[in-house]
Every structure is written in C-alpha cells, then in structure tokens.
Amino acid sequence: MPTTGIGLDLNVILAYLFGIILILFVGKIFLMPLKLVFKLLYNGVVGGIMLYVINFIGIHFGFTIALNPVTALVAGFLGIPGIVLLILFKIFIN
C-alpha cells in the first residue's frame, strides 16, 4: 500500500496550533464575545479531525486532501462547510 502521508505532519500540527493561538489572541485584542472564540476553536478542531478522517477513509479509494497550512486554515475557520469546499475543490480541479 503506497504511503501518501495521511499522518499528521509537524507542519500541519504547527499550523493548527498557530491558528488556535491567533484566534485567541485576536479575540482578546478585539474583545470578541467568548462564544465566538469558542465557536472558531470548535470549528478548527472539527475541521482537523474531519480532514484526517477523510484522508484515512479516502486512501482506500484514491482520494486524499493534502494536509498543508492552507487546507488547515480553511478547515479550521470554516469547519464542516470548509471541508465540503475542499472536497468539491478537489473533485472539480482533479
């Protein structure tokens, strides 16, 4: 079975950590309501897990989404709609 790098790469982990820290920092600076900050954090965690699950299942069908800082940020900020956007982008571009 070919390895396509579905494991979490250090760059992706650092991108997620950077994104989470950035959300918390920006939230404190602009005094965002705490509810919105937690929603963005929740979207980031769910987006990262969904990317991993899609790649874990998709490797059996030859469908993977690259795990890089751009896809991490899209999945993190948009959550599940971001994952759908990445899937549609992958389908229509390739």
N, C-alpha and C. Protein backbone atom coordinates (compact mmCIF):
# COMPACT_ATOMS: atom_id res chain seq x y z
N MET A 1 0.86 -1.18 0.00
CA MET A 1 0.00 0.00 0.00
C MET A 1 0.90 1.23 0.00
N PRO A 2 0.69 2.16 -0.94
CA PRO A 2 1.55 3.34 -1.02
C PRO A 2 1.28 4.28 0.15
N THR A 3 2.33 4.92 0.58
CA THR A 3 2.15 5.89 1.66
C THR A 3 1.94 7.26 1.04
N THR A 4 0.87 7.91 1.44
CA THR A 4 0.56 9.24 0.91
C THR A 4 0.65 10.31 1.97
N GLY A 5 1.13 9.96 3.15
CA GLY A 5 1.31 10.97 4.17
C GLY A 5 0.02 11.40 4.84
N ILE A 6 -0.86 10.44 5.16
CA ILE A 6 -2.11 10.83 5.81
C ILE A 6 -1.91 11.10 7.28
N GLY A 7 -0.76 10.73 7.82
CA GLY A 7 -0.48 11.01 9.22
C GLY A 7 -0.32 12.52 9.41
N LEU A 8 -0.51 12.96 10.64
CA LEU A 8 -0.39 14.39 10.89
C LEU A 8 1.06 14.80 10.82
N ASP A 9 1.35 15.69 9.92
CA ASP A 9 2.67 16.22 9.69
C ASP A 9 2.95 17.31 10.72
N LEU A 10 4.19 17.51 11.07
CA LEU A 10 4.56 18.53 12.05
C LEU A 10 4.14 19.91 11.58
N ASN A 11 4.26 20.19 10.27
CA ASN A 11 3.85 21.49 9.75
C ASN A 11 2.36 21.72 9.94
N VAL A 12 1.56 20.68 9.75
CA VAL A 12 0.11 20.82 9.91
C VAL A 12 -0.23 21.05 11.38
N ILE A 13 0.43 20.31 12.26
CA ILE A 13 0.17 20.49 13.69
C ILE A 13 0.55 21.91 14.10
N LEU A 14 1.70 22.39 13.63
CA LEU A 14 2.11 23.75 13.95
C LEU A 14 1.16 24.78 13.36
N ALA A 15 0.63 24.52 12.17
CA ALA A 15 -0.33 25.44 11.56
C ALA A 15 -1.61 25.51 12.39
N TYR A 16 -2.09 24.35 12.87
CA TYR A 16 -3.28 24.35 13.71
C TYR A 16 -3.03 25.07 15.03
N LEU A 17 -1.89 24.81 15.65
CA LEU A 17 -1.56 25.49 16.90
C LEU A 17 -1.45 26.99 16.68
N PHE A 18 -0.80 27.39 15.60
CA PHE A 18 -0.67 28.80 15.29
C PHE A 18 -2.05 29.42 15.07
N GLY A 19 -2.92 28.73 14.34
CA GLY A 19 -4.26 29.23 14.10
C GLY A 19 -5.06 29.38 15.39
N ILE A 20 -4.97 28.41 16.27
CA ILE A 20 -5.70 28.47 17.53
C ILE A 20 -5.17 29.62 18.40
N ILE A 21 -3.85 29.76 18.48
CA ILE A 21 -3.27 30.85 19.25
C ILE A 21 -3.65 32.19 18.64
N LEU A 22 -3.64 32.27 17.31
CA LEU A 22 -4.01 33.51 16.64
C LEU A 22 -5.46 33.87 16.92
N ILE A 23 -6.35 32.90 16.90
CA ILE A 23 -7.77 33.15 17.20
C ILE A 23 -7.92 33.68 18.63
N LEU A 24 -7.25 33.04 19.58
CA LEU A 24 -7.32 33.51 20.96
C LEU A 24 -6.76 34.92 21.11
N PHE A 25 -5.63 35.19 20.46
CA PHE A 25 -5.00 36.50 20.55
C PHE A 25 -5.89 37.58 19.94
N VAL A 26 -6.39 37.32 18.74
CA VAL A 26 -7.25 38.30 18.07
C VAL A 26 -8.54 38.49 18.87
N GLY A 27 -9.05 37.41 19.44
CA GLY A 27 -10.26 37.51 20.26
C GLY A 27 -10.07 38.40 21.47
N LYS A 28 -8.92 38.31 22.09
CA LYS A 28 -8.65 39.16 23.26
C LYS A 28 -8.42 40.62 22.85
N ILE A 29 -7.75 40.82 21.74
CA ILE A 29 -7.46 42.19 21.31
C ILE A 29 -8.75 42.94 20.97
N PHE A 30 -9.60 42.33 20.22
CA PHE A 30 -10.81 43.00 19.77
C PHE A 30 -12.00 42.75 20.69
N LEU A 31 -11.76 42.09 21.83
CA LEU A 31 -12.80 41.80 22.82
C LEU A 31 -14.01 41.12 22.20
N MET A 32 -13.70 40.13 21.40
CA MET A 32 -14.78 39.34 20.80
C MET A 32 -15.52 38.62 21.90
N PRO A 33 -16.79 38.39 21.70
CA PRO A 33 -17.51 37.59 22.69
C PRO A 33 -16.87 36.20 22.79
N LEU A 34 -16.80 35.69 23.98
CA LEU A 34 -16.16 34.41 24.22
C LEU A 34 -16.84 33.29 23.44
N LYS A 35 -18.13 33.43 23.21
CA LYS A 35 -18.87 32.42 22.45
C LYS A 35 -18.32 32.28 21.03
N LEU A 36 -18.00 33.39 20.40
CA LEU A 36 -17.48 33.36 19.03
C LEU A 36 -16.08 32.74 19.00
N VAL A 37 -15.27 33.05 20.00
CA VAL A 37 -13.92 32.48 20.06
C VAL A 37 -14.01 30.97 20.19
N PHE A 38 -14.89 30.47 21.08
CA PHE A 38 -15.04 29.03 21.23
C PHE A 38 -15.62 28.38 19.99
N LYS A 39 -16.47 29.09 19.27
CA LYS A 39 -17.02 28.54 18.02
C LYS A 39 -15.89 28.36 17.00
N LEU A 40 -15.00 29.34 16.90
CA LEU A 40 -13.87 29.22 15.97
C LEU A 40 -12.94 28.10 16.38
N LEU A 41 -12.69 27.96 17.67
CA LEU A 41 -11.86 26.86 18.16
C LEU A 41 -12.51 25.51 17.86
N TYR A 42 -13.82 25.42 18.08
CA TYR A 42 -14.56 24.19 17.80
C TYR A 42 -14.47 23.85 16.32
N ASN A 43 -14.67 24.85 15.45
CA ASN A 43 -14.57 24.62 14.01
C ASN A 43 -13.17 24.13 13.63
N GLY A 44 -12.16 24.67 14.27
CA GLY A 44 -10.79 24.25 13.98
C GLY A 44 -10.55 22.80 14.34
N VAL A 45 -11.02 22.39 15.51
CA VAL A 45 -10.83 21.01 15.95
C VAL A 45 -11.62 20.05 15.07
N VAL A 46 -12.89 20.38 14.82
CA VAL A 46 -13.74 19.52 13.99
C VAL A 46 -13.18 19.45 12.57
N GLY A 47 -12.72 20.58 12.03
CA GLY A 47 -12.15 20.59 10.69
C GLY A 47 -10.92 19.73 10.57
N GLY A 48 -10.04 19.80 11.56
CA GLY A 48 -8.83 18.97 11.55
C GLY A 48 -9.14 17.50 11.64
N ILE A 49 -10.07 17.15 12.51
CA ILE A 49 -10.47 15.74 12.65
C ILE A 49 -11.12 15.25 11.37
N MET A 50 -11.96 16.07 10.76
CA MET A 50 -12.62 15.66 9.52
C MET A 50 -11.62 15.48 8.38
N LEU A 51 -10.61 16.36 8.29
CA LEU A 51 -9.57 16.18 7.27
C LEU A 51 -8.86 14.85 7.46
N TYR A 52 -8.53 14.54 8.69
CA TYR A 52 -7.84 13.28 8.97
C TYR A 52 -8.72 12.09 8.62
N VAL A 53 -10.01 12.14 8.99
CA VAL A 53 -10.93 11.02 8.72
C VAL A 53 -11.13 10.86 7.21
N ILE A 54 -11.31 11.96 6.51
CA ILE A 54 -11.50 11.88 5.05
C ILE A 54 -10.27 11.26 4.39
N ASN A 55 -9.09 11.66 4.83
CA ASN A 55 -7.88 11.07 4.26
C ASN A 55 -7.71 9.62 4.66
N PHE A 56 -8.08 9.28 5.87
CA PHE A 56 -7.97 7.90 6.34
C PHE A 56 -8.88 6.97 5.54
N ILE A 57 -10.10 7.41 5.29
CA ILE A 57 -11.05 6.60 4.51
C ILE A 57 -10.76 6.72 3.02
N GLY A 58 -10.45 7.93 2.57
CA GLY A 58 -10.25 8.18 1.15
C GLY A 58 -9.04 7.51 0.55
N ILE A 59 -8.06 7.15 1.37
CA ILE A 59 -6.86 6.50 0.83
C ILE A 59 -7.22 5.16 0.19
N HIS A 60 -8.28 4.52 0.65
CA HIS A 60 -8.71 3.24 0.07
C HIS A 60 -9.36 3.44 -1.29
N PHE A 61 -9.82 4.66 -1.58
CA PHE A 61 -10.47 4.96 -2.85
C PHE A 61 -9.62 5.85 -3.73
N GLY A 62 -8.40 6.15 -3.29
CA GLY A 62 -7.51 7.01 -4.07
C GLY A 62 -7.88 8.48 -3.98
N PHE A 63 -8.53 8.89 -2.91
CA PHE A 63 -8.96 10.28 -2.74
C PHE A 63 -8.39 10.81 -1.42
N THR A 64 -7.49 11.76 -1.53
CA THR A 64 -6.94 12.38 -0.32
C THR A 64 -6.89 13.89 -0.54
N ILE A 65 -6.94 14.61 0.55
CA ILE A 65 -6.80 16.05 0.52
C ILE A 65 -5.48 16.37 1.20
N ALA A 66 -4.67 17.16 0.55
CA ALA A 66 -3.36 17.49 1.09
C ALA A 66 -3.51 18.18 2.44
N LEU A 67 -2.68 17.77 3.38
CA LEU A 67 -2.67 18.41 4.69
C LEU A 67 -1.55 19.43 4.70
N ASN A 68 -1.92 20.69 4.50
CA ASN A 68 -0.94 21.78 4.50
C ASN A 68 -1.56 22.97 5.22
N PRO A 69 -0.80 24.02 5.45
CA PRO A 69 -1.36 25.15 6.20
C PRO A 69 -2.61 25.77 5.57
N VAL A 70 -2.70 25.79 4.24
CA VAL A 70 -3.88 26.38 3.59
C VAL A 70 -5.13 25.55 3.88
N THR A 71 -5.04 24.23 3.69
CA THR A 71 -6.21 23.40 3.96
C THR A 71 -6.53 23.38 5.45
N ALA A 72 -5.51 23.46 6.28
CA ALA A 72 -5.74 23.50 7.73
C ALA A 72 -6.50 24.77 8.11
N LEU A 73 -6.13 25.90 7.53
CA LEU A 73 -6.82 27.15 7.84
C LEU A 73 -8.24 27.16 7.29
N VAL A 74 -8.44 26.64 6.07
CA VAL A 74 -9.79 26.59 5.51
C VAL A 74 -10.68 25.70 6.38
N ALA A 75 -10.18 24.53 6.73
CA ALA A 75 -10.96 23.62 7.57
C ALA A 75 -11.15 24.21 8.96
N GLY A 76 -10.15 24.91 9.46
CA GLY A 76 -10.24 25.47 10.80
C GLY A 76 -11.20 26.63 10.91
N PHE A 77 -11.17 27.54 9.97
CA PHE A 77 -12.03 28.71 10.05
C PHE A 77 -13.46 28.41 9.61
N LEU A 78 -13.62 27.54 8.64
CA LEU A 78 -14.96 27.28 8.13
C LEU A 78 -15.60 26.01 8.69
N GLY A 79 -14.80 25.14 9.31
CA GLY A 79 -15.34 23.91 9.89
C GLY A 79 -15.81 22.95 8.82
N ILE A 80 -16.98 22.35 9.04
CA ILE A 80 -17.53 21.36 8.10
C ILE A 80 -17.80 21.96 6.73
N PRO A 81 -18.37 23.19 6.63
CA PRO A 81 -18.52 23.76 5.27
C PRO A 81 -17.17 23.92 4.56
N GLY A 82 -16.12 24.19 5.30
CA GLY A 82 -14.79 24.28 4.69
C GLY A 82 -14.32 22.94 4.17
N ILE A 83 -14.63 21.86 4.89
CA ILE A 83 -14.28 20.51 4.44
C ILE A 83 -15.03 20.20 3.14
N VAL A 84 -16.32 20.53 3.10
CA VAL A 84 -17.11 20.31 1.89
C VAL A 84 -16.51 21.12 0.74
N LEU A 85 -16.11 22.35 1.01
CA LEU A 85 -15.49 23.19 -0.01
C LEU A 85 -14.19 22.56 -0.52
N LEU A 86 -13.38 22.04 0.38
CA LEU A 86 -12.13 21.39 -0.03
C LEU A 86 -12.39 20.14 -0.86
N ILE A 87 -13.41 19.35 -0.48
CA ILE A 87 -13.76 18.15 -1.24
C ILE A 87 -14.22 18.53 -2.65
N LEU A 88 -15.12 19.53 -2.75
CA LEU A 88 -15.60 19.96 -4.06
C LEU A 88 -14.46 20.52 -4.90
N PHE A 89 -13.58 21.28 -4.27
CA PHE A 89 -12.43 21.82 -4.99
C PHE A 89 -11.56 20.70 -5.53
N LYS A 90 -11.33 19.69 -4.72
CA LYS A 90 -10.50 18.55 -5.15
C LYS A 90 -11.17 17.79 -6.29
N ILE A 91 -12.49 17.60 -6.21
CA ILE A 91 -13.21 16.87 -7.25
C ILE A 91 -13.18 17.63 -8.59
N PHE A 92 -13.45 18.94 -8.53
CA PHE A 92 -13.55 19.69 -9.77
C PHE A 92 -12.19 20.08 -10.36
N ILE A 93 -11.16 20.18 -9.55
CA ILE A 93 -9.85 20.55 -10.07
C ILE A 93 -9.12 19.33 -10.64
N ASN A 94 -9.24 18.18 -10.00
CA ASN A 94 -8.52 17.00 -10.49
C ASN A 94 -9.37 16.25 -11.41
